[in-house]
Amino acid sequence: KQEIPNEGKVGVEFDHMNLDVFKKVGDALPNVHLVDIGQPTMK
């Protein structure tokens, strides 16, 4: 919450982040839209 702005898109790894962590990140940043960064970084 301190280091990530609570707005816009934030990239997270859909192939790594479990549902519990995904929910808690969403709760910490309620105005953020979480998108996948796992596949692009793999490439």
PDB file of all heavy atoms in Angstrom:
ATOM      1  N   LYS A   1       0.824  -1.218   0.000  1.00  0.00           N
ATOM      2  CA  LYS A   1       0.000   0.000   0.000  1.00  0.00           C
ATOM      3  C   LYS A   1       0.853   1.260   0.000  1.00  0.00           C
ATOM      4  O   LYS A   1       0.507   2.268  -0.647  1.00  0.00           O
ATOM      5  CB  LYS A   1      -0.908  -0.022   1.232  1.00  0.00           C
ATOM      6  CG  LYS A   1      -1.969   1.053   1.253  1.00  0.00           C
ATOM      7  CD  LYS A   1      -2.936   0.833   2.422  1.00  0.00           C
ATOM      8  CE  LYS A   1      -4.052   1.872   2.406  1.00  0.00           C
ATOM      9  NZ  LYS A   1      -5.041   1.619   3.485  1.00  0.00           N
ATOM     10  N   GLN A   2       1.971   1.214   0.703  1.00  0.00           N
ATOM     11  CA  GLN A   2       2.849   2.390   0.792  1.00  0.00           C
ATOM     12  C   GLN A   2       3.583   2.670  -0.504  1.00  0.00           C
ATOM     13  O   GLN A   2       3.775   3.831  -0.885  1.00  0.00           O
ATOM     14  CB  GLN A   2       3.855   2.174   1.929  1.00  0.00           C
ATOM     15  CG  GLN A   2       4.925   3.265   2.041  1.00  0.00           C
ATOM     16  CD  GLN A   2       5.872   2.997   3.182  1.00  0.00           C
ATOM     17  OE1 GLN A   2       5.491   3.033   4.354  1.00  0.00           O
ATOM     18  NE2 GLN A   2       7.143   2.727   2.866  1.00  0.00           N
ATOM     19  N   GLU A   3       4.005   1.625  -1.212  1.00  0.00           N
ATOM     20  CA  GLU A   3       4.930   1.802  -2.335  1.00  0.00           C
ATOM     21  C   GLU A   3       4.267   1.782  -3.715  1.00  0.00           C
ATOM     22  O   GLU A   3       4.899   2.128  -4.708  1.00  0.00           O
ATOM     23  CB  GLU A   3       6.012   0.721  -2.286  1.00  0.00           C
ATOM     24  CG  GLU A   3       6.891   0.779  -1.044  1.00  0.00           C
ATOM     25  CD  GLU A   3       7.672   2.073  -0.918  1.00  0.00           C
ATOM     26  OE1 GLU A   3       8.021   2.672  -1.960  1.00  0.00           O
ATOM     27  OE2 GLU A   3       7.924   2.505   0.224  1.00  0.00           O
ATOM     28  N   ILE A   4       3.003   1.358  -3.796  1.00  0.00           N
ATOM     29  CA  ILE A   4       2.320   1.286  -5.095  1.00  0.00           C
ATOM     30  C   ILE A   4       1.163   2.269  -5.111  1.00  0.00           C
ATOM     31  O   ILE A   4       0.296   2.224  -4.225  1.00  0.00           O
ATOM     32  CB  ILE A   4       1.805  -0.140  -5.374  1.00  0.00           C
ATOM     33  CG1 ILE A   4       2.978  -1.129  -5.417  1.00  0.00           C
ATOM     34  CG2 ILE A   4       1.033  -0.189  -6.690  1.00  0.00           C
ATOM     35  CD1 ILE A   4       2.556  -2.574  -5.621  1.00  0.00           C
ATOM     36  N   PRO A   5       1.101   3.162  -6.106  1.00  0.00           N
ATOM     37  CA  PRO A   5      -0.024   4.106  -6.190  1.00  0.00           C
ATOM     38  C   PRO A   5      -1.354   3.361  -6.340  1.00  0.00           C
ATOM     39  O   PRO A   5      -1.439   2.376  -7.081  1.00  0.00           O
ATOM     40  CB  PRO A   5       0.299   4.924  -7.445  1.00  0.00           C
ATOM     41  CG  PRO A   5       1.769   4.756  -7.657  1.00  0.00           C
ATOM     42  CD  PRO A   5       2.100   3.390  -7.152  1.00  0.00           C
ATOM     43  N   ASN A   6      -2.370   3.826  -5.660  1.00  0.00           N
ATOM     44  CA  ASN A   6      -3.686   3.180  -5.668  1.00  0.00           C
ATOM     45  C   ASN A   6      -4.522   3.681  -6.849  1.00  0.00           C
ATOM     46  O   ASN A   6      -5.602   4.279  -6.682  1.00  0.00           O
ATOM     47  CB  ASN A   6      -4.395   3.452  -4.333  1.00  0.00           C
ATOM     48  CG  ASN A   6      -5.692   2.678  -4.204  1.00  0.00           C
ATOM     49  OD1 ASN A   6      -5.889   1.664  -4.868  1.00  0.00           O
ATOM     50  ND2 ASN A   6      -6.597   3.179  -3.374  1.00  0.00           N
ATOM     51  N   GLU A   7      -4.032   3.424  -8.063  1.00  0.00           N
ATOM     52  CA  GLU A   7      -4.749   3.848  -9.267  1.00  0.00           C
ATOM     53  C   GLU A   7      -4.181   3.132 -10.484  1.00  0.00           C
ATOM     54  O   GLU A   7      -3.042   2.635 -10.466  1.00  0.00           O
ATOM     55  CB  GLU A   7      -4.609   5.358  -9.466  1.00  0.00           C
ATOM     56  CG  GLU A   7      -3.166   5.816  -9.636  1.00  0.00           C
ATOM     57  CD  GLU A   7      -3.026   7.324  -9.778  1.00  0.00           C
ATOM     58  OE1 GLU A   7      -4.053   8.024  -9.703  1.00  0.00           O
ATOM     59  OE2 GLU A   7      -1.894   7.797  -9.980  1.00  0.00           O
ATOM     60  N   GLY A   8      -4.964   3.051 -11.520  1.00  0.00           N
ATOM     61  CA  GLY A   8      -4.503   2.504 -12.790  1.00  0.00           C
ATOM     62  C   GLY A   8      -4.267   1.004 -12.762  1.00  0.00           C
ATOM     63  O   GLY A   8      -4.816   0.266 -11.946  1.00  0.00           O
ATOM     64  N   LYS A   9      -3.416   0.545 -13.687  1.00  0.00           N
ATOM     65  CA  LYS A   9      -3.105  -0.879 -13.819  1.00  0.00           C
ATOM     66  C   LYS A   9      -1.843  -1.238 -13.040  1.00  0.00           C
ATOM     67  O   LYS A   9      -0.855  -0.495 -13.079  1.00  0.00           O
ATOM     68  CB  LYS A   9      -2.872  -1.239 -15.295  1.00  0.00           C
ATOM     69  CG  LYS A   9      -4.076  -1.135 -16.200  1.00  0.00           C
ATOM     70  CD  LYS A   9      -3.670  -1.552 -17.611  1.00  0.00           C
ATOM     71  CE  LYS A   9      -4.806  -1.417 -18.589  1.00  0.00           C
ATOM     72  NZ  LYS A   9      -4.368  -1.773 -19.977  1.00  0.00           N
ATOM     73  N   VAL A  10      -1.892  -2.373 -12.367  1.00  0.00           N
ATOM     74  CA  VAL A  10      -0.714  -2.917 -11.690  1.00  0.00           C
ATOM     75  C   VAL A  10      -0.512  -4.347 -12.186  1.00  0.00           C
ATOM     76  O   VAL A  10      -1.441  -5.163 -12.165  1.00  0.00           O
ATOM     77  CB  VAL A  10      -0.873  -2.903 -10.157  1.00  0.00           C
ATOM     78  CG1 VAL A  10       0.268  -3.669  -9.484  1.00  0.00           C
ATOM     79  CG2 VAL A  10      -0.900  -1.465  -9.645  1.00  0.00           C
ATOM     80  N   GLY A  11       0.698  -4.646 -12.639  1.00  0.00           N
ATOM     81  CA  GLY A  11       1.010  -5.979 -13.153  1.00  0.00           C
ATOM     82  C   GLY A  11       1.385  -6.929 -12.027  1.00  0.00           C
ATOM     83  O   GLY A  11       2.211  -6.582 -11.171  1.00  0.00           O
ATOM     84  N   VAL A  12       0.774  -8.103 -12.018  1.00  0.00           N
ATOM     85  CA  VAL A  12       1.130  -9.174 -11.086  1.00  0.00           C
ATOM     86  C   VAL A  12       1.227 -10.469 -11.880  1.00  0.00           C
ATOM     87  O   VAL A  12       0.792 -10.543 -13.029  1.00  0.00           O
ATOM     88  CB  VAL A  12       0.100  -9.321  -9.939  1.00  0.00           C
ATOM     89  CG1 VAL A  12       0.067  -8.069  -9.080  1.00  0.00           C
ATOM     90  CG2 VAL A  12      -1.286  -9.656 -10.485  1.00  0.00           C
ATOM     91  N   GLU A  13       1.801 -11.482 -11.254  1.00  0.00           N
ATOM     92  CA  GLU A  13       2.024 -12.750 -11.961  1.00  0.00           C
ATOM     93  C   GLU A  13       0.854 -13.704 -11.716  1.00  0.00           C
ATOM     94  O   GLU A  13       0.766 -14.345 -10.677  1.00  0.00           O
ATOM     95  CB  GLU A  13       3.330 -13.376 -11.483  1.00  0.00           C
ATOM     96  CG  GLU A  13       4.550 -12.535 -11.803  1.00  0.00           C
ATOM     97  CD  GLU A  13       5.749 -12.923 -10.963  1.00  0.00           C
ATOM     98  OE1 GLU A  13       5.895 -12.390  -9.848  1.00  0.00           O
ATOM     99  OE2 GLU A  13       6.533 -13.771 -11.420  1.00  0.00           O
ATOM    100  N   PHE A  14      -0.022 -13.811 -12.704  1.00  0.00           N
ATOM    101  CA  PHE A  14      -1.189 -14.678 -12.573  1.00  0.00           C
ATOM    102  C   PHE A  14      -0.787 -16.148 -12.419  1.00  0.00           C
ATOM    103  O   PHE A  14      -1.532 -16.933 -11.840  1.00  0.00           O
ATOM    104  CB  PHE A  14      -2.108 -14.528 -13.789  1.00  0.00           C
ATOM    105  CG  PHE A  14      -2.925 -13.255 -13.801  1.00  0.00           C
ATOM    106  CD1 PHE A  14      -2.762 -12.276 -12.819  1.00  0.00           C
ATOM    107  CD2 PHE A  14      -3.859 -13.034 -14.794  1.00  0.00           C
ATOM    108  CE1 PHE A  14      -3.517 -11.104 -12.840  1.00  0.00           C
ATOM    109  CE2 PHE A  14      -4.629 -11.882 -14.823  1.00  0.00           C
ATOM    110  CZ  PHE A  14      -4.459 -10.905 -13.850  1.00  0.00           C
ATOM    111  N   ASP A  15       0.374 -16.516 -12.960  1.00  0.00           N
ATOM    112  CA  ASP A  15       0.800 -17.917 -12.878  1.00  0.00           C
ATOM    113  C   ASP A  15       1.526 -18.224 -11.569  1.00  0.00           C
ATOM    114  O   ASP A  15       1.979 -19.346 -11.352  1.00  0.00           O
ATOM    115  CB  ASP A  15       1.686 -18.296 -14.068  1.00  0.00           C
ATOM    116  CG  ASP A  15       2.949 -17.450 -14.170  1.00  0.00           C
ATOM    117  OD1 ASP A  15       3.098 -16.479 -13.386  1.00  0.00           O
ATOM    118  OD2 ASP A  15       3.791 -17.748 -15.036  1.00  0.00           O
ATOM    119  N   HIS A  16       1.640 -17.244 -10.678  1.00  0.00           N
ATOM    120  CA  HIS A  16       2.316 -17.473  -9.408  1.00  0.00           C
ATOM    121  C   HIS A  16       1.483 -17.057  -8.206  1.00  0.00           C
ATOM    122  O   HIS A  16       1.471 -17.743  -7.182  1.00  0.00           O
ATOM    123  CB  HIS A  16       3.653 -16.724  -9.364  1.00  0.00           C
ATOM    124  CG  HIS A  16       4.389 -16.905  -8.073  1.00  0.00           C
ATOM    125  ND1 HIS A  16       4.266 -16.038  -7.007  1.00  0.00           N
ATOM    126  CD2 HIS A  16       5.233 -17.876  -7.653  1.00  0.00           C
ATOM    127  CE1 HIS A  16       4.997 -16.458  -5.997  1.00  0.00           C
ATOM    128  NE2 HIS A  16       5.596 -17.565  -6.360  1.00  0.00           N
ATOM    129  N   MET A  17       0.785 -15.954  -8.307  1.00  0.00           N
ATOM    130  CA  MET A  17       0.065 -15.393  -7.156  1.00  0.00           C
ATOM    131  C   MET A  17      -1.169 -16.236  -6.834  1.00  0.00           C
ATOM    132  O   MET A  17      -2.033 -16.439  -7.691  1.00  0.00           O
ATOM    133  CB  MET A  17      -0.327 -13.953  -7.464  1.00  0.00           C
ATOM    134  CG  MET A  17      -0.953 -13.223  -6.295  1.00  0.00           C
ATOM    135  SD  MET A  17      -1.287 -11.479  -6.686  1.00  0.00           S
ATOM    136  CE  MET A  17       0.341 -10.748  -6.496  1.00  0.00           C
ATOM    137  N   ASN A  18      -1.261 -16.737  -5.603  1.00  0.00           N
ATOM    138  CA  ASN A  18      -2.439 -17.523  -5.232  1.00  0.00           C
ATOM    139  C   ASN A  18      -3.617 -16.605  -4.901  1.00  0.00           C
ATOM    140  O   ASN A  18      -3.474 -15.378  -4.814  1.00  0.00           O
ATOM    141  CB  ASN A  18      -2.133 -18.488  -4.087  1.00  0.00           C
ATOM    142  CG  ASN A  18      -1.759 -17.796  -2.792  1.00  0.00           C
ATOM    143  OD1 ASN A  18      -2.307 -16.758  -2.446  1.00  0.00           O
ATOM    144  ND2 ASN A  18      -0.818 -18.391  -2.051  1.00  0.00           N
ATOM    145  N   LEU A  19      -4.782 -17.192  -4.712  1.00  0.00           N
ATOM    146  CA  LEU A  19      -6.004 -16.406  -4.539  1.00  0.00           C
ATOM    147  C   LEU A  19      -5.967 -15.563  -3.268  1.00  0.00           C
ATOM    148  O   LEU A  19      -6.469 -14.429  -3.244  1.00  0.00           O
ATOM    149  CB  LEU A  19      -7.220 -17.332  -4.514  1.00  0.00           C
ATOM    150  CG  LEU A  19      -7.571 -17.997  -5.858  1.00  0.00           C
ATOM    151  CD1 LEU A  19      -8.713 -18.981  -5.671  1.00  0.00           C
ATOM    152  CD2 LEU A  19      -7.942 -16.952  -6.902  1.00  0.00           C
ATOM    153  N   ASP A  20      -5.368 -16.090  -2.198  1.00  0.00           N
ATOM    154  CA  ASP A  20      -5.288 -15.354  -0.945  1.00  0.00           C
ATOM    155  C   ASP A  20      -4.467 -14.081  -1.115  1.00  0.00           C
ATOM    156  O   ASP A  20      -4.885 -12.988  -0.703  1.00  0.00           O
ATOM    157  CB  ASP A  20      -4.687 -16.251   0.140  1.00  0.00           C
ATOM    158  CG  ASP A  20      -4.615 -15.556   1.492  1.00  0.00           C
ATOM    159  OD1 ASP A  20      -5.674 -15.134   2.003  1.00  0.00           O
ATOM    160  OD2 ASP A  20      -3.501 -15.434   2.033  1.00  0.00           O
ATOM    161  N   VAL A  21      -3.294 -14.204  -1.728  1.00  0.00           N
ATOM    162  CA  VAL A  21      -2.437 -13.038  -1.955  1.00  0.00           C
ATOM    163  C   VAL A  21      -3.110 -12.071  -2.926  1.00  0.00           C
ATOM    164  O   VAL A  21      -3.089 -10.847  -2.726  1.00  0.00           O
ATOM    165  CB  VAL A  21      -1.051 -13.471  -2.479  1.00  0.00           C
ATOM    166  CG1 VAL A  21      -0.195 -12.249  -2.814  1.00  0.00           C
ATOM    167  CG2 VAL A  21      -0.339 -14.349  -1.453  1.00  0.00           C
ATOM    168  N   PHE A  22      -3.730 -12.598  -3.978  1.00  0.00           N
ATOM    169  CA  PHE A  22      -4.421 -11.763  -4.964  1.00  0.00           C
ATOM    170  C   PHE A  22      -5.484 -10.897  -4.277  1.00  0.00           C
ATOM    171  O   PHE A  22      -5.598  -9.700  -4.530  1.00  0.00           O
ATOM    172  CB  PHE A  22      -5.050 -12.657  -6.031  1.00  0.00           C
ATOM    173  CG  PHE A  22      -5.569 -11.920  -7.227  1.00  0.00           C
ATOM    174  CD1 PHE A  22      -4.743 -11.640  -8.305  1.00  0.00           C
ATOM    175  CD2 PHE A  22      -6.896 -11.511  -7.279  1.00  0.00           C
ATOM    176  CE1 PHE A  22      -5.235 -10.962  -9.423  1.00  0.00           C
ATOM    177  CE2 PHE A  22      -7.391 -10.839  -8.385  1.00  0.00           C
ATOM    178  CZ  PHE A  22      -6.561 -10.563  -9.457  1.00  0.00           C
ATOM    179  N   LYS A  23      -6.269 -11.514  -3.372  1.00  0.00           N
ATOM    180  CA  LYS A  23      -7.323 -10.777  -2.668  1.00  0.00           C
ATOM    181  C   LYS A  23      -6.736  -9.710  -1.753  1.00  0.00           C
ATOM    182  O   LYS A  23      -7.231  -8.569  -1.700  1.00  0.00           O
ATOM    183  CB  LYS A  23      -8.188 -11.733  -1.855  1.00  0.00           C
ATOM    184  CG  LYS A  23      -9.337 -11.052  -1.115  1.00  0.00           C
ATOM    185  CD  LYS A  23     -10.156 -12.033  -0.314  1.00  0.00           C
ATOM    186  CE  LYS A  23     -11.340 -11.338   0.367  1.00  0.00           C
ATOM    187  NZ  LYS A  23     -10.920 -10.210   1.226  1.00  0.00           N
ATOM    188  N   LYS A  24      -5.667 -10.064  -1.038  1.00  0.00           N
ATOM    189  CA  LYS A  24      -5.079  -9.105  -0.103  1.00  0.00           C
ATOM    190  C   LYS A  24      -4.431  -7.924  -0.822  1.00  0.00           C
ATOM    191  O   LYS A  24      -4.475  -6.786  -0.336  1.00  0.00           O
ATOM    192  CB  LYS A  24      -4.077  -9.811   0.812  1.00  0.00           C
ATOM    193  CG  LYS A  24      -4.754 -10.710   1.846  1.00  0.00           C
ATOM    194  CD  LYS A  24      -3.748 -11.384   2.761  1.00  0.00           C
ATOM    195  CE  LYS A  24      -4.465 -12.209   3.824  1.00  0.00           C
ATOM    196  NZ  LYS A  24      -3.523 -12.889   4.738  1.00  0.00           N
ATOM    197  N   VAL A  25      -3.818  -8.176  -1.977  1.00  0.00           N
ATOM    198  CA  VAL A  25      -3.280  -7.073  -2.778  1.00  0.00           C
ATOM    199  C   VAL A  25      -4.420  -6.187  -3.259  1.00  0.00           C
ATOM    200  O   VAL A  25      -4.341  -4.952  -3.226  1.00  0.00           O
ATOM    201  CB  VAL A  25      -2.459  -7.606  -3.966  1.00  0.00           C
ATOM    202  CG1 VAL A  25      -2.118  -6.479  -4.942  1.00  0.00           C
ATOM    203  CG2 VAL A  25      -1.178  -8.275  -3.477  1.00  0.00           C
ATOM    204  N   GLY A  26      -5.521  -6.828  -3.688  1.00  0.00           N
ATOM    205  CA  GLY A  26      -6.695  -6.060  -4.113  1.00  0.00           C
ATOM    206  C   GLY A  26      -7.290  -5.232  -2.994  1.00  0.00           C
ATOM    207  O   GLY A  26      -7.724  -4.090  -3.199  1.00  0.00           O
ATOM    208  N   ASP A  27      -7.305  -5.791  -1.787  1.00  0.00           N
ATOM    209  CA  ASP A  27      -7.821  -5.046  -0.624  1.00  0.00           C
ATOM    210  C   ASP A  27      -6.912  -3.863  -0.279  1.00  0.00           C
ATOM    211  O   ASP A  27      -7.396  -2.795   0.135  1.00  0.00           O
ATOM    212  CB  ASP A  27      -7.932  -5.966   0.588  1.00  0.00           C
ATOM    213  CG  ASP A  27      -9.045  -6.999   0.446  1.00  0.00           C
ATOM    214  OD1 ASP A  27      -9.920  -6.828  -0.437  1.00  0.00           O
ATOM    215  OD2 ASP A  27      -9.027  -7.994   1.201  1.00  0.00           O
ATOM    216  N   ALA A  28      -5.595  -4.053  -0.432  1.00  0.00           N
ATOM    217  CA  ALA A  28      -4.645  -2.970  -0.142  1.00  0.00           C
ATOM    218  C   ALA A  28      -4.721  -1.864  -1.184  1.00  0.00           C
ATOM    219  O   ALA A  28      -4.458  -0.691  -0.879  1.00  0.00           O
ATOM    220  CB  ALA A  28      -3.229  -3.529  -0.066  1.00  0.00           C
ATOM    221  N   LEU A  29      -5.089  -2.227  -2.422  1.00  0.00           N
ATOM    222  CA  LEU A  29      -5.133  -1.272  -3.534  1.00  0.00           C
ATOM    223  C   LEU A  29      -6.506  -1.370  -4.223  1.00  0.00           C
ATOM    224  O   LEU A  29      -6.621  -1.870  -5.344  1.00  0.00           O
ATOM    225  CB  LEU A  29      -4.010  -1.578  -4.533  1.00  0.00           C
ATOM    226  CG  LEU A  29      -2.577  -1.590  -3.977  1.00  0.00           C
ATOM    227  CD1 LEU A  29      -1.608  -2.160  -5.002  1.00  0.00           C
ATOM    228  CD2 LEU A  29      -2.156  -0.182  -3.555  1.00  0.00           C
ATOM    229  N   PRO A  30      -7.573  -0.901  -3.569  1.00  0.00           N
ATOM    230  CA  PRO A  30      -8.929  -1.118  -4.089  1.00  0.00           C
ATOM    231  C   PRO A  30      -9.232  -0.419  -5.408  1.00  0.00           C
ATOM    232  O   PRO A  30     -10.162  -0.834  -6.123  1.00  0.00           O
ATOM    233  CB  PRO A  30      -9.822  -0.584  -2.962  1.00  0.00           C
ATOM    234  CG  PRO A  30      -8.965   0.378  -2.194  1.00  0.00           C
ATOM    235  CD  PRO A  30      -7.586  -0.188  -2.269  1.00  0.00           C
ATOM    236  N   ASN A  31      -8.491   0.616  -5.754  1.00  0.00           N
ATOM    237  CA  ASN A  31      -8.766   1.351  -7.000  1.00  0.00           C
ATOM    238  C   ASN A  31      -7.904   0.887  -8.172  1.00  0.00           C
ATOM    239  O   ASN A  31      -7.946   1.470  -9.249  1.00  0.00           O
ATOM    240  CB  ASN A  31      -8.551   2.850  -6.774  1.00  0.00           C
ATOM    241  CG  ASN A  31      -9.491   3.403  -5.730  1.00  0.00           C
ATOM    242  OD1 ASN A  31     -10.633   2.956  -5.607  1.00  0.00           O
ATOM    243  ND2 ASN A  31      -9.023   4.386  -4.957  1.00  0.00           N
ATOM    244  N   VAL A  32      -7.155  -0.165  -7.943  1.00  0.00           N
ATOM    245  CA  VAL A  32      -6.221  -0.664  -8.958  1.00  0.00           C
ATOM    246  C   VAL A  32      -6.854  -1.799  -9.760  1.00  0.00           C
ATOM    247  O   VAL A  32      -7.636  -2.590  -9.233  1.00  0.00           O
ATOM    248  CB  VAL A  32      -4.924  -1.146  -8.262  1.00  0.00           C
ATOM    249  CG1 VAL A  32      -4.216  -2.223  -9.049  1.00  0.00           C
ATOM    250  CG2 VAL A  32      -3.982   0.035  -8.021  1.00  0.00           C
ATOM    251  N   HIS A  33      -6.512  -1.870 -11.043  1.00  0.00           N
ATOM    252  CA  HIS A  33      -6.912  -2.998 -11.897  1.00  0.00           C
ATOM    253  C   HIS A  33      -5.691  -3.904 -12.072  1.00  0.00           C
ATOM    254  O   HIS A  33      -4.674  -3.485 -12.642  1.00  0.00           O
ATOM    255  CB  HIS A  33      -7.398  -2.491 -13.253  1.00  0.00           C
ATOM    256  CG  HIS A  33      -7.716  -3.577 -14.232  1.00  0.00           C
ATOM    257  ND1 HIS A  33      -8.536  -4.658 -13.932  1.00  0.00           N
ATOM    258  CD2 HIS A  33      -7.317  -3.756 -15.525  1.00  0.00           C
ATOM    259  CE1 HIS A  33      -8.635  -5.450 -14.978  1.00  0.00           C
ATOM    260  NE2 HIS A  33      -7.907  -4.930 -15.955  1.00  0.00           N
ATOM    261  N   LEU A  34      -5.751  -5.132 -11.542  1.00  0.00           N
ATOM    262  CA  LEU A  34      -4.626  -6.060 -11.608  1.00  0.00           C
ATOM    263  C   LEU A  34      -4.612  -6.776 -12.955  1.00  0.00           C
ATOM    264  O   LEU A  34      -5.621  -7.356 -13.380  1.00  0.00           O
ATOM    265  CB  LEU A  34      -4.692  -7.081 -10.472  1.00  0.00           C
ATOM    266  CG  LEU A  34      -4.621  -6.509  -9.049  1.00  0.00           C
ATOM    267  CD1 LEU A  34      -4.762  -7.614  -8.012  1.00  0.00           C
ATOM    268  CD2 LEU A  34      -3.323  -5.737  -8.835  1.00  0.00           C
ATOM    269  N   VAL A  35      -3.465  -6.723 -13.639  1.00  0.00           N
ATOM    270  CA  VAL A  35      -3.306  -7.374 -14.944  1.00  0.00           C
ATOM    271  C   VAL A  35      -2.102  -8.306 -14.888  1.00  0.00           C
ATOM    272  O   VAL A  35      -1.235  -8.183 -14.017  1.00  0.00           O
ATOM    273  CB  VAL A  35      -3.123  -6.331 -16.077  1.00  0.00           C
ATOM    274  CG1 VAL A  35      -4.349  -5.442 -16.188  1.00  0.00           C
ATOM    275  CG2 VAL A  35      -1.867  -5.494 -15.846  1.00  0.00           C
ATOM    276  N   ASP A  36      -2.031  -9.229 -15.844  1.00  0.00           N
ATOM    277  CA  ASP A  36      -0.961 -10.231 -15.819  1.00  0.00           C
ATOM    278  C   ASP A  36       0.347  -9.677 -16.370  1.00  0.00           C
ATOM    279  O   ASP A  36       0.372  -9.057 -17.429  1.00  0.00           O
ATOM    280  CB  ASP A  36      -1.363 -11.466 -16.628  1.00  0.00           C
ATOM    281  CG  ASP A  36      -0.289 -12.546 -16.582  1.00  0.00           C
ATOM    282  OD1 ASP A  36       0.211 -12.826 -15.465  1.00  0.00           O
ATOM    283  OD2 ASP A  36       0.073 -13.088 -17.643  1.00  0.00           O
ATOM    284  N   ILE A  37       1.417  -9.938 -15.644  1.00  0.00           N
ATOM    285  CA  ILE A  37       2.761  -9.605 -16.115  1.00  0.00           C
ATOM    286  C   ILE A  37       3.609 -10.863 -16.256  1.00  0.00           C
ATOM    287  O   ILE A  37       4.741 -10.824 -16.753  1.00  0.00           O
ATOM    288  CB  ILE A  37       3.440  -8.587 -15.158  1.00  0.00           C
ATOM    289  CG1 ILE A  37       4.621  -7.853 -15.836  1.00  0.00           C
ATOM    290  CG2 ILE A  37       3.903  -9.270 -13.864  1.00  0.00           C
ATOM    291  CD1 ILE A  37       4.206  -6.932 -16.938  1.00  0.00           C
ATOM    292  N   GLY A  38       3.068 -12.036 -15.840  1.00  0.00           N
ATOM    293  CA  GLY A  38       3.829 -13.284 -15.870  1.00  0.00           C
ATOM    294  C   GLY A  38       4.207 -13.726 -17.270  1.00  0.00           C
ATOM    295  O   GLY A  38       5.375 -14.049 -17.534  1.00  0.00           O
ATOM    296  N   GLN A  39       3.243 -13.750 -18.183  1.00  0.00           N
ATOM    297  CA  GLN A  39       3.524 -14.192 -19.542  1.00  0.00           C
ATOM    298  C   GLN A  39       4.465 -13.244 -20.289  1.00  0.00           C
ATOM    299  O   GLN A  39       5.424 -13.687 -20.916  1.00  0.00           O
ATOM    300  CB  GLN A  39       2.216 -14.365 -20.324  1.00  0.00           C
ATOM    301  CG  GLN A  39       1.391 -15.563 -19.877  1.00  0.00           C
ATOM    302  CD  GLN A  39       2.094 -16.871 -20.144  1.00  0.00           C
ATOM    303  OE1 GLN A  39       2.585 -17.117 -21.251  1.00  0.00           O
ATOM    304  NE2 GLN A  39       2.163 -17.729 -19.135  1.00  0.00           N
ATOM    305  N   PRO A  40       4.234 -11.924 -20.247  1.00  0.00           N
ATOM    306  CA  PRO A  40       5.170 -11.015 -20.930  1.00  0.00           C
ATOM    307  C   PRO A  40       6.606 -11.118 -20.421  1.00  0.00           C
ATOM    308  O   PRO A  40       7.555 -11.098 -21.208  1.00  0.00           O
ATOM    309  CB  PRO A  40       4.580  -9.624 -20.650  1.00  0.00           C
ATOM    310  CG  PRO A  40       3.131  -9.863 -20.389  1.00  0.00           C
ATOM    311  CD  PRO A  40       3.067 -11.185 -19.703  1.00  0.00           C
ATOM    312  N   THR A  41       6.779 -11.234 -19.093  1.00  0.00           N
ATOM    313  CA  THR A  41       8.145 -11.307 -18.573  1.00  0.00           C
ATOM    314  C   THR A  41       8.795 -12.647 -18.900  1.00  0.00           C
ATOM    315  O   THR A  41      10.012 -12.707 -19.107  1.00  0.00           O
ATOM    316  CB  THR A  41       8.176 -11.053 -17.054  1.00  0.00           C
ATOM    317  OG1 THR A  41       7.228 -11.902 -16.395  1.00  0.00           O
ATOM    318  CG2 THR A  41       7.876  -9.604 -16.740  1.00  0.00           C
ATOM    319  N   MET A  42       8.004 -13.717 -18.970  1.00  0.00           N
ATOM    320  CA  MET A  42       8.563 -15.000 -19.382  1.00  0.00           C
ATOM    321  C   MET A  42       9.183 -14.874 -20.776  1.00  0.00           C
ATOM    322  O   MET A  42      10.286 -15.364 -21.033  1.00  0.00           O
ATOM    323  CB  MET A  42       7.494 -16.093 -19.387  1.00  0.00           C
ATOM    324  CG  MET A  42       8.020 -17.446 -19.856  1.00  0.00           C
ATOM    325  SD  MET A  42       6.716 -18.652 -20.180  1.00  0.00           S
ATOM    326  CE  MET A  42       5.983 -17.965 -21.673  1.00  0.00           C
ATOM    327  N   LYS A  43       8.489 -14.203 -21.672  1.00  0.00           N
ATOM    328  CA  LYS A  43       9.007 -14.033 -23.041  1.00  0.00           C
ATOM    329  C   LYS A  43      10.268 -13.180 -23.048  1.00  0.00           C
ATOM    330  O   LYS A  43      11.186 -13.419 -23.833  1.00  0.00           O
ATOM    331  CB  LYS A  43       7.924 -13.433 -23.930  1.00  0.00           C
ATOM    332  CG  LYS A  43       6.771 -14.400 -24.186  1.00  0.00           C
ATOM    333  CD  LYS A  43       5.644 -13.761 -24.976  1.00  0.00           C
ATOM    334  CE  LYS A  43       4.501 -14.747 -25.172  1.00  0.00           C
ATOM    335  NZ  LYS A  43       3.331 -14.131 -25.851  1.00  0.00           N
TER     336      LYS A  43
END
